[in-house]
PDB file of N, CA and C in Angstrom:
ATOM      1  N   UNK A   1     102.785  39.726  78.894  1.00  0.00           N
ATOM      2  CA  UNK A   1     103.835  39.111  79.681  1.00  0.00           C
ATOM      3  C   UNK A   1     105.209  39.643  79.259  1.00  0.00           C
ATOM      4  N   UNK A   2     105.362  39.877  77.950  1.00  0.00           N
ATOM      5  CA  UNK A   2     106.647  40.345  77.428  1.00  0.00           C
ATOM      6  C   UNK A   2     107.038  41.693  78.042  1.00  0.00           C
ATOM      7  N   UNK A   3     106.054  42.594  78.190  1.00  0.00           N
ATOM      8  CA  UNK A   3     106.347  43.923  78.737  1.00  0.00           C
ATOM      9  C   UNK A   3     106.817  43.826  80.188  1.00  0.00           C
ATOM     10  N   UNK A   4     106.308  42.839  80.919  1.00  0.00           N
ATOM     11  CA  UNK A   4     106.724  42.661  82.305  1.00  0.00           C
ATOM     12  C   UNK A   4     108.178  42.202  82.390  1.00  0.00           C
ATOM     13  N   UNK A   5     108.556  41.311  81.501  1.00  0.00           N
ATOM     14  CA  UNK A   5     109.936  40.828  81.474  1.00  0.00           C
ATOM     15  C   UNK A   5     110.877  41.963  81.071  1.00  0.00           C
ATOM     16  N   UNK A   6     110.464  42.762  80.081  1.00  0.00           N
ATOM     17  CA  UNK A   6     111.291  43.902  79.664  1.00  0.00           C
ATOM     18  C   UNK A   6     111.418  44.924  80.797  1.00  0.00           C
ATOM     19  N   UNK A   7     110.330  45.159  81.508  1.00  0.00           N
ATOM     20  CA  UNK A   7     110.356  46.093  82.625  1.00  0.00           C
ATOM     21  C   UNK A   7     111.283  45.589  83.728  1.00  0.00           C
ATOM     22  N   UNK A   8     111.207  44.305  84.022  1.00  0.00           N
ATOM     23  CA  UNK A   8     112.095  43.724  85.028  1.00  0.00           C
ATOM     24  C   UNK A   8     113.547  43.854  84.590  1.00  0.00           C
ATOM     25  N   UNK A   9     113.813  43.595  83.307  1.00  0.00           N
ATOM     26  CA  UNK A   9     115.178  43.729  82.788  1.00  0.00           C
ATOM     27  C   UNK A   9     115.701  45.146  82.888  1.00  0.00           C
ATOM     28  N   UNK A  10     114.842  46.111  82.561  1.00  0.00           N
ATOM     29  CA  UNK A  10     115.252  47.518  82.674  1.00  0.00           C
ATOM     30  C   UNK A  10     115.529  47.864  84.135  1.00  0.00           C
ATOM     31  N   UNK A  11     114.680  47.385  85.030  1.00  0.00           N
ATOM     32  CA  UNK A  11     114.892  47.628  86.458  1.00  0.00           C
ATOM     33  C   UNK A  11     116.189  47.012  86.958  1.00  0.00           C
ATOM     34  N   UNK A  12     116.484  45.802  86.496  1.00  0.00           N
ATOM     35  CA  UNK A  12     117.747  45.166  86.880  1.00  0.00           C
ATOM     36  C   UNK A  12     118.942  45.955  86.377  1.00  0.00           C
ATOM     37  N   UNK A  13     118.843  46.451  85.146  1.00  0.00           N
ATOM     38  CA  UNK A  13     119.932  47.252  84.585  1.00  0.00           C
ATOM     39  C   UNK A  13     120.155  48.513  85.402  1.00  0.00           C
ATOM     40  N   UNK A  14     119.068  49.200  85.758  1.00  0.00           N
ATOM     41  CA  UNK A  14     119.189  50.410  86.581  1.00  0.00           C
ATOM     42  C   UNK A  14     119.765  50.052  87.946  1.00  0.00           C
ATOM     43  N   UNK A  15     119.345  48.922  88.504  1.00  0.00           N
ATOM     44  CA  UNK A  15     119.888  48.480  89.787  1.00  0.00           C
ATOM     45  C   UNK A  15     121.385  48.244  89.724  1.00  0.00           C
ATOM     46  N   UNK A  16     121.853  47.646  88.639  1.00  0.00           N
ATOM     47  CA  UNK A  16     123.290  47.422  88.465  1.00  0.00           C
ATOM     48  C   UNK A  16     124.023  48.756  88.361  1.00  0.00           C
ATOM     49  N   UNK A  17     123.455  49.683  87.593  1.00  0.00           N
ATOM     50  CA  UNK A  17     124.083  51.012  87.453  1.00  0.00           C
ATOM     51  C   UNK A  17     124.123  51.714  88.808  1.00  0.00           C
ATOM     52  N   UNK A  18     123.018  51.667  89.572  1.00  0.00           N
ATOM     53  CA  UNK A  18     123.004  52.263  90.907  1.00  0.00           C
ATOM     54  C   UNK A  18     124.088  51.624  91.779  1.00  0.00           C
ATOM     55  N   UNK A  19     124.228  50.300  91.695  1.00  0.00           N
ATOM     56  CA  UNK A  19     125.250  49.609  92.484  1.00  0.00           C
ATOM     57  C   UNK A  19     126.651  50.054  92.112  1.00  0.00           C
ATOM     58  N   UNK A  20     126.903  50.213  90.812  1.00  0.00           N
ATOM     59  CA  UNK A  20     128.222  50.670  90.360  1.00  0.00           C
ATOM     60  C   UNK A  20     128.516  52.097  90.808  1.00  0.00           C
ATOM     61  N   UNK A  21     127.455  52.916  90.914  1.00  0.00           N
ATOM     62  CA  UNK A  21     127.626  54.315  91.338  1.00  0.00           C
ATOM     63  C   UNK A  21     127.537  54.475  92.860  1.00  0.00           C
ATOM     64  N   UNK A  22     127.360  53.365  93.570  1.00  0.00           N
ATOM     65  CA  UNK A  22     127.205  53.379  95.032  1.00  0.00           C
ATOM     66  C   UNK A  22     126.036  54.241  95.482  1.00  0.00           C
ATOM     67  N   UNK A  23     124.942  54.186  94.747  1.00  0.00           N
ATOM     68  CA  UNK A  23     123.708  54.881  95.121  1.00  0.00           C
ATOM     69  C   UNK A  23     122.746  53.821  95.625  1.00  0.00           C
ATOM     70  N   UNK A  24     122.228  54.011  96.814  1.00  0.00           N
ATOM     71  CA  UNK A  24     121.292  53.045  97.381  1.00  0.00           C
ATOM     72  C   UNK A  24     119.873  53.370  96.957  1.00  0.00           C
ATOM     73  N   UNK A  25     119.075  52.334  96.806  1.00  0.00           N
ATOM     74  CA  UNK A  25     117.683  52.525  96.416  1.00  0.00           C
ATOM     75  C   UNK A  25     116.828  52.512  97.666  1.00  0.00           C
ATOM     76  N   UNK A  26     115.838  53.348  97.819  1.00  0.00           N
ATOM     77  CA  UNK A  26     115.445  54.356  96.847  1.00  0.00           C
ATOM     78  C   UNK A  26     116.463  55.487  96.815  1.00  0.00           C
ATOM     79  N   UNK A  27     116.682  55.971  95.627  1.00  0.00           N
ATOM     80  CA  UNK A  27     117.671  57.019  95.406  1.00  0.00           C
ATOM     81  C   UNK A  27     117.215  58.318  96.053  1.00  0.00           C
ATOM     82  N   UNK A  28     118.176  59.160  96.435  1.00  0.00           N
ATOM     83  CA  UNK A  28     117.801  60.497  96.908  1.00  0.00           C
ATOM     84  C   UNK A  28     116.970  61.209  95.846  1.00  0.00           C
ATOM     85  N   UNK A  29     116.043  62.070  96.247  1.00  0.00           N
ATOM     86  CA  UNK A  29     115.104  62.682  95.299  1.00  0.00           C
ATOM     87  C   UNK A  29     115.745  63.326  94.075  1.00  0.00           C
ATOM     88  N   UNK A  30     116.846  64.039  94.254  1.00  0.00           N
ATOM     89  CA  UNK A  30     117.456  64.714  93.101  1.00  0.00           C
ATOM     90  C   UNK A  30     117.966  63.684  92.095  1.00  0.00           C
ATOM     91  N   UNK A  31     118.607  62.631  92.588  1.00  0.00           N
ATOM     92  CA  UNK A  31     119.128  61.602  91.689  1.00  0.00           C
ATOM     93  C   UNK A  31     117.975  60.897  90.982  1.00  0.00           C
ATOM     94  N   UNK A  32     116.912  60.588  91.720  1.00  0.00           N
ATOM     95  CA  UNK A  32     115.758  59.912  91.120  1.00  0.00           C
ATOM     96  C   UNK A  32     115.099  60.785  90.056  1.00  0.00           C
ATOM     97  N   UNK A  33     114.929  62.071  90.347  1.00  0.00           N
ATOM     98  CA  UNK A  33     114.294  62.967  89.376  1.00  0.00           C
ATOM     99  C   UNK A  33     115.152  63.146  88.126  1.00  0.00           C
ATOM    100  N   UNK A  34     116.467  63.246  88.311  1.00  0.00           N
ATOM    101  CA  UNK A  34     117.345  63.347  87.142  1.00  0.00           C
ATOM    102  C   UNK A  34     117.293  62.063  86.319  1.00  0.00           C
ATOM    103  N   UNK A  35     117.184  60.927  86.992  1.00  0.00           N
ATOM    104  CA  UNK A  35     117.046  59.663  86.276  1.00  0.00           C
ATOM    105  C   UNK A  35     115.767  59.610  85.467  1.00  0.00           C
ATOM    106  N   UNK A  36     114.659  60.075  86.060  1.00  0.00           N
ATOM    107  CA  UNK A  36     113.390  60.108  85.335  1.00  0.00           C
ATOM    108  C   UNK A  36     113.454  61.059  84.150  1.00  0.00           C
ATOM    109  N   UNK A  37     114.113  62.209  84.333  1.00  0.00           N
ATOM    110  CA  UNK A  37     114.276  63.140  83.218  1.00  0.00           C
ATOM    111  C   UNK A  37     115.084  62.495  82.096  1.00  0.00           C
ATOM    112  N   UNK A  38     116.129  61.762  82.481  1.00  0.00           N
ATOM    113  CA  UNK A  38     116.926  61.055  81.481  1.00  0.00           C
ATOM    114  C   UNK A  38     116.107  60.031  80.718  1.00  0.00           C
ATOM    115  N   UNK A  39     115.207  59.348  81.426  1.00  0.00           N
ATOM    116  CA  UNK A  39     114.333  58.372  80.764  1.00  0.00           C
ATOM    117  C   UNK A  39     113.437  59.078  79.754  1.00  0.00           C
ATOM    118  N   UNK A  40     112.823  60.186  80.168  1.00  0.00           N
ATOM    119  CA  UNK A  40     111.929  60.914  79.263  1.00  0.00           C
ATOM    120  C   UNK A  40     112.661  61.423  78.027  1.00  0.00           C
ATOM    121  N   UNK A  41     113.842  61.977  78.241  1.00  0.00           N
ATOM    122  CA  UNK A  41     114.612  62.487  77.106  1.00  0.00           C
ATOM    123  C   UNK A  41     115.100  61.331  76.238  1.00  0.00           C
ATOM    124  N   UNK A  42     115.542  60.242  76.881  1.00  0.00           N
ATOM    125  CA  UNK A  42     116.018  59.079  76.133  1.00  0.00           C
ATOM    126  C   UNK A  42     114.950  58.457  75.260  1.00  0.00           C
ATOM    127  N   UNK A  43     113.697  58.500  75.720  1.00  0.00           N
ATOM    128  CA  UNK A  43     112.600  57.968  74.915  1.00  0.00           C
ATOM    129  C   UNK A  43     112.448  58.722  73.596  1.00  0.00           C
ATOM    130  N   UNK A  44     112.861  59.956  73.574  1.00  0.00           N
ATOM    131  CA  UNK A  44     112.702  60.770  72.371  1.00  0.00           C
ATOM    132  C   UNK A  44     113.755  60.462  71.322  1.00  0.00           C
ATOM    133  N   UNK A  45     114.783  59.710  71.697  1.00  0.00           N
ATOM    134  CA  UNK A  45     115.816  59.325  70.733  1.00  0.00           C
ATOM    135  C   UNK A  45     115.213  58.436  69.646  1.00  0.00           C
ATOM    136  N   UNK A  46     114.273  57.576  70.018  1.00  0.00           N
ATOM    137  CA  UNK A  46     113.693  56.633  69.059  1.00  0.00           C
ATOM    138  C   UNK A  46     112.941  57.354  67.938  1.00  0.00           C
ATOM    139  N   UNK A  47     111.963  58.238  68.239  1.00  0.00           N
ATOM    140  CA  UNK A  47     111.277  58.897  67.124  1.00  0.00           C
ATOM    141  C   UNK A  47     112.201  59.816  66.316  1.00  0.00           C
ATOM    142  N   UNK A  48     113.169  60.424  66.968  1.00  0.00           N
ATOM    143  CA  UNK A  48     114.108  61.284  66.240  1.00  0.00           C
ATOM    144  C   UNK A  48     114.954  60.436  65.296  1.00  0.00           C
ATOM    145  N   UNK A  49     115.446  59.297  65.787  1.00  0.00           N
ATOM    146  CA  UNK A  49     116.258  58.415  64.945  1.00  0.00           C
ATOM    147  C   UNK A  49     115.434  57.849  63.791  1.00  0.00           C
ATOM    148  N   UNK A  50     114.189  57.449  64.054  1.00  0.00           N
ATOM    149  CA  UNK A  50     113.327  56.927  62.988  1.00  0.00           C
ATOM    150  C   UNK A  50     113.119  57.972  61.906  1.00  0.00           C
ATOM    151  N   UNK A  51     112.888  59.198  62.334  1.00  0.00           N
ATOM    152  CA  UNK A  51     112.652  60.274  61.374  1.00  0.00           C
ATOM    153  C   UNK A  51     113.920  60.562  60.566  1.00  0.00           C
ATOM    154  N   UNK A  52     115.061  60.583  61.240  1.00  0.00           N
ATOM    155  CA  UNK A  52     116.322  60.867  60.553  1.00  0.00           C
ATOM    156  C   UNK A  52     116.679  59.741  59.582  1.00  0.00           C
ATOM    157  N   UNK A  53     116.499  58.491  60.025  1.00  0.00           N
ATOM    158  CA  UNK A  53     116.818  57.356  59.151  1.00  0.00           C
ATOM    159  C   UNK A  53     115.828  57.233  57.999  1.00  0.00           C
ATOM    160  N   UNK A  54     114.618  57.762  58.177  1.00  0.00           N
ATOM    161  CA  UNK A  54     113.618  57.754  57.112  1.00  0.00           C
ATOM    162  C   UNK A  54     113.827  58.859  56.102  1.00  0.00           C
ATOM    163  N   UNK A  55     114.842  59.677  56.303  1.00  0.00           N
ATOM    164  CA  UNK A  55     115.149  60.740  55.361  1.00  0.00           C
ATOM    165  C   UNK A  55     114.326  61.997  55.555  1.00  0.00           C
ATOM    166  N   UNK A  56     113.538  62.035  56.632  1.00  0.00           N
ATOM    167  CA  UNK A  56     112.733  63.223  56.901  1.00  0.00           C
ATOM    168  C   UNK A  56     113.560  64.203  57.734  1.00  0.00           C
ATOM    169  N   UNK A  57     113.284  65.462  57.557  1.00  0.00           N
ATOM    170  CA  UNK A  57     113.991  66.473  58.315  1.00  0.00           C
ATOM    171  C   UNK A  57     113.495  66.549  59.751  1.00  0.00           C
ATOM    172  N   UNK A  58     114.387  66.950  60.622  1.00  0.00           N
ATOM    173  CA  UNK A  58     114.025  67.151  62.029  1.00  0.00           C
ATOM    174  C   UNK A  58     114.023  68.659  62.255  1.00  0.00           C
ATOM    175  N   UNK A  59     112.825  69.196  62.314  1.00  0.00           N
ATOM    176  CA  UNK A  59     112.692  70.640  62.474  1.00  0.00           C
ATOM    177  C   UNK A  59     112.322  70.976  63.909  1.00  0.00           C
ATOM    178  N   UNK A  60     112.534  72.214  64.263  1.00  0.00           N
ATOM    179  CA  UNK A  60     112.190  72.672  65.601  1.00  0.00           C
ATOM    180  C   UNK A  60     110.689  72.566  65.841  1.00  0.00           C
ATOM    181  N   UNK A  61     109.899  72.862  64.825  1.00  0.00           N
ATOM    182  CA  UNK A  61     108.449  72.775  64.996  1.00  0.00           C
ATOM    183  C   UNK A  61     108.011  71.327  65.196  1.00  0.00           C
ATOM    184  N   UNK A  62     108.648  70.381  64.497  1.00  0.00           N
ATOM    185  CA  UNK A  62     108.325  68.972  64.697  1.00  0.00           C
ATOM    186  C   UNK A  62     108.678  68.543  66.115  1.00  0.00           C
ATOM    187  N   UNK A  63     109.851  68.955  66.592  1.00  0.00           N
ATOM    188  CA  UNK A  63     110.265  68.588  67.951  1.00  0.00           C
ATOM    189  C   UNK A  63     109.314  69.181  68.985  1.00  0.00           C
ATOM    190  N   UNK A  64     108.881  70.419  68.761  1.00  0.00           N
ATOM    191  CA  UNK A  64     107.930  71.033  69.700  1.00  0.00           C
ATOM    192  C   UNK A  64     106.596  70.294  69.703  1.00  0.00           C
ATOM    193  N   UNK A  65     106.183  69.818  68.544  1.00  0.00           N
ATOM    194  CA  UNK A  65     104.901  69.141  68.431  1.00  0.00           C
ATOM    195  C   UNK A  65     104.976  67.706  68.949  1.00  0.00           C
ATOM    196  N   UNK A  66     106.050  66.987  68.649  1.00  0.00           N
ATOM    197  CA  UNK A  66     106.137  65.560  68.965  1.00  0.00           C
ATOM    198  C   UNK A  66     106.866  65.251  70.268  1.00  0.00           C
ATOM    199  N   UNK A  67     107.903  66.002  70.605  1.00  0.00           N
ATOM    200  CA  UNK A  67     108.738  65.656  71.761  1.00  0.00           C
ATOM    201  C   UNK A  67     108.379  66.435  73.020  1.00  0.00           C
ATOM    202  N   UNK A  68     108.196  67.736  72.882  1.00  0.00           N
ATOM    203  CA  UNK A  68     107.962  68.579  74.059  1.00  0.00           C
ATOM    204  C   UNK A  68     106.751  68.154  74.878  1.00  0.00           C
ATOM    205  N   UNK A  69     105.594  67.840  74.261  1.00  0.00           N
ATOM    206  CA  UNK A  69     104.456  67.441  75.083  1.00  0.00           C
ATOM    207  C   UNK A  69     104.720  66.163  75.876  1.00  0.00           C
ATOM    208  N   UNK A  70     105.511  65.254  75.325  1.00  0.00           N
ATOM    209  CA  UNK A  70     105.791  64.013  76.028  1.00  0.00           C
ATOM    210  C   UNK A  70     106.707  64.257  77.229  1.00  0.00           C
ATOM    211  N   UNK A  71     107.661  65.139  77.071  1.00  0.00           N
ATOM    212  CA  UNK A  71     108.607  65.398  78.154  1.00  0.00           C
ATOM    213  C   UNK A  71     107.980  66.264  79.236  1.00  0.00           C
ATOM    214  N   UNK A  72     107.294  67.317  78.847  1.00  0.00           N
ATOM    215  CA  UNK A  72     106.776  68.276  79.821  1.00  0.00           C
ATOM    216  C   UNK A  72     105.309  68.068  80.173  1.00  0.00           C
ATOM    217  N   UNK A  73     104.604  67.233  79.433  1.00  0.00           N
ATOM    218  CA  UNK A  73     103.183  67.028  79.696  1.00  0.00           C
ATOM    219  C   UNK A  73     102.391  68.252  79.285  1.00  0.00           C
ATOM    220  N   UNK A  74     101.152  68.302  79.703  1.00  0.00           N
ATOM    221  CA  UNK A  74     100.319  69.453  79.408  1.00  0.00           C
ATOM    222  C   UNK A  74     100.668  70.571  80.374  1.00  0.00           C
ATOM    223  N   UNK A  75     101.276  71.601  79.843  1.00  0.00           N
ATOM    224  CA  UNK A  75     101.642  72.731  80.689  1.00  0.00           C
ATOM    225  C   UNK A  75     100.398  73.548  81.010  1.00  0.00           C
ATOM    226  N   UNK A  76     100.358  74.154  82.190  1.00  0.00           N
ATOM    227  CA  UNK A  76      99.183  74.968  82.530  1.00  0.00           C
ATOM    228  C   UNK A  76      99.045  76.135  81.565  1.00  0.00           C
ATOM    229  N   UNK A  77      97.792  76.418  81.215  1.00  0.00           N
ATOM    230  CA  UNK A  77      97.548  77.556  80.311  1.00  0.00           C
ATOM    231  C   UNK A  77      97.693  78.846  81.091  1.00  0.00           C
ATOM    232  N   UNK A  78      98.055  79.886  80.379  1.00  0.00           N
ATOM    233  CA  UNK A  78      98.150  81.197  81.020  1.00  0.00           C
ATOM    234  C   UNK A  78      96.751  81.661  81.377  1.00  0.00           C
ATOM    235  N   UNK A  79      96.651  82.370  82.486  1.00  0.00           N
ATOM    236  CA  UNK A  79      95.348  82.898  82.897  1.00  0.00           C
ATOM    237  C   UNK A  79      94.867  83.877  81.841  1.00  0.00           C
ATOM    238  N   UNK A  80      93.607  83.766  81.517  1.00  0.00           N
ATOM    239  CA  UNK A  80      93.063  84.666  80.502  1.00  0.00           C
ATOM    240  C   UNK A  80      92.861  86.054  81.105  1.00  0.00           C
ATOM    241  N   UNK A  81      92.720  87.027  80.233  1.00  0.00           N
ATOM    242  CA  UNK A  81      92.539  88.403  80.699  1.00  0.00           C
ATOM    243  C   UNK A  81      91.196  88.573  81.393  1.00  0.00           C
ATOM    244  N   UNK A  82      90.222  87.793  80.959  1.00  0.00           N
ATOM    245  CA  UNK A  82      88.914  87.854  81.595  1.00  0.00           C
ATOM    246  C   UNK A  82      88.840  86.733  82.620  1.00  0.00           C
ATOM    247  N   UNK A  83      88.686  87.085  83.880  1.00  0.00           N
ATOM    248  CA  UNK A  83      88.662  86.072  84.928  1.00  0.00           C
ATOM    249  C   UNK A  83      87.516  85.104  84.702  1.00  0.00           C
ATOM    250  N   UNK A  84      87.785  83.832  85.009  1.00  0.00           N
ATOM    251  CA  UNK A  84      86.760  82.816  84.914  1.00  0.00           C
ATOM    252  C   UNK A  84      86.630  82.187  83.548  1.00  0.00           C
ATOM    253  N   UNK A  85      87.294  82.721  82.550  1.00  0.00           N
ATOM    254  CA  UNK A  85      87.164  82.174  81.202  1.00  0.00           C
ATOM    255  C   UNK A  85      87.709  80.747  81.152  1.00  0.00           C
ATOM    256  N   UNK A  86      88.831  80.486  81.842  1.00  0.00           N
ATOM    257  CA  UNK A  86      89.438  79.159  81.827  1.00  0.00           C
ATOM    258  C   UNK A  86      88.960  78.295  82.994  1.00  0.00           C
ATOM    259  N   UNK A  87      88.057  78.812  83.806  1.00  0.00           N
ATOM    260  CA  UNK A  87      87.568  78.083  84.966  1.00  0.00           C
ATOM    261  C   UNK A  87      86.467  77.133  84.524  1.00  0.00           C
ATOM    262  N   UNK A  88      86.707  75.790  84.656  1.00  0.00           N
ATOM    263  CA  UNK A  88      85.662  74.844  84.217  1.00  0.00           C
ATOM    264  C   UNK A  88      84.348  75.017  84.972  1.00  0.00           C
ATOM    265  N   UNK A  89      84.412  75.529  86.203  1.00  0.00           N
ATOM    266  CA  UNK A  89      83.182  75.705  86.982  1.00  0.00           C
ATOM    267  C   UNK A  89      82.312  76.799  86.388  1.00  0.00           C
ATOM    268  N   UNK A  90      82.906  77.723  85.629  1.00  0.00           N
ATOM    269  CA  UNK A  90      82.132  78.805  85.057  1.00  0.00           C
ATOM    270  C   UNK A  90      81.521  78.435  83.711  1.00  0.00           C
ATOM    271  N   UNK A  91      81.779  77.223  83.236  1.00  0.00           N
ATOM    272  CA  UNK A  91      81.243  76.777  81.954  1.00  0.00           C
ATOM    273  C   UNK A  91      79.809  76.309  82.144  1.00  0.00           C
ATOM    274  N   UNK A  92      78.827  77.003  81.556  1.00  0.00           N
ATOM    275  CA  UNK A  92      77.431  76.634  81.778  1.00  0.00           C
ATOM    276  C   UNK A  92      77.063  75.294  81.134  1.00  0.00           C
ATOM    277  N   UNK A  93      77.853  74.818  80.192  1.00  0.00           N
ATOM    278  CA  UNK A  93      77.524  73.562  79.523  1.00  0.00           C
ATOM    279  C   UNK A  93      77.933  72.347  80.354  1.00  0.00           C
ATOM    280  N   UNK A  94      78.766  72.556  81.372  1.00  0.00           N
ATOM    281  CA  UNK A  94      79.213  71.446  82.218  1.00  0.00           C
ATOM    282  C   UNK A  94      78.235  71.242  83.360  1.00  0.00           C
ATOM    283  N   UNK A  95      77.908  69.990  83.653  1.00  0.00           N
ATOM    284  CA  UNK A  95      77.034  69.739  84.795  1.00  0.00           C
ATOM    285  C   UNK A  95      77.764  70.008  86.100  1.00  0.00           C
ATOM    286  N   UNK A  96      77.039  70.452  87.103  1.00  0.00           N
ATOM    287  CA  UNK A  96      77.657  70.790  88.398  1.00  0.00           C
ATOM    288  C   UNK A  96      77.962  69.559  89.198  1.00  0.00           C
TER     289      UNK A  96
END
């Protein structure tokens, strides 16, 4: 129940900000996508701050491992040099 109240509060806050900026909901796609990107990037402030306040270093490799997958998701793998290697249908161990 608590998460629902927090979600409603966050939605109300965004609604107030949209009202102050004279943006009507649903927002135009570019504004909505930039808002979602801001949310994803903003979420990464918490683990970075925890790590910094804990006295641990914030390295580029840590950010790539912990932050990048959350923001960008699983990026598509590059096609292998041998066709069909990454094709799940070509895997004989998988049932058809």
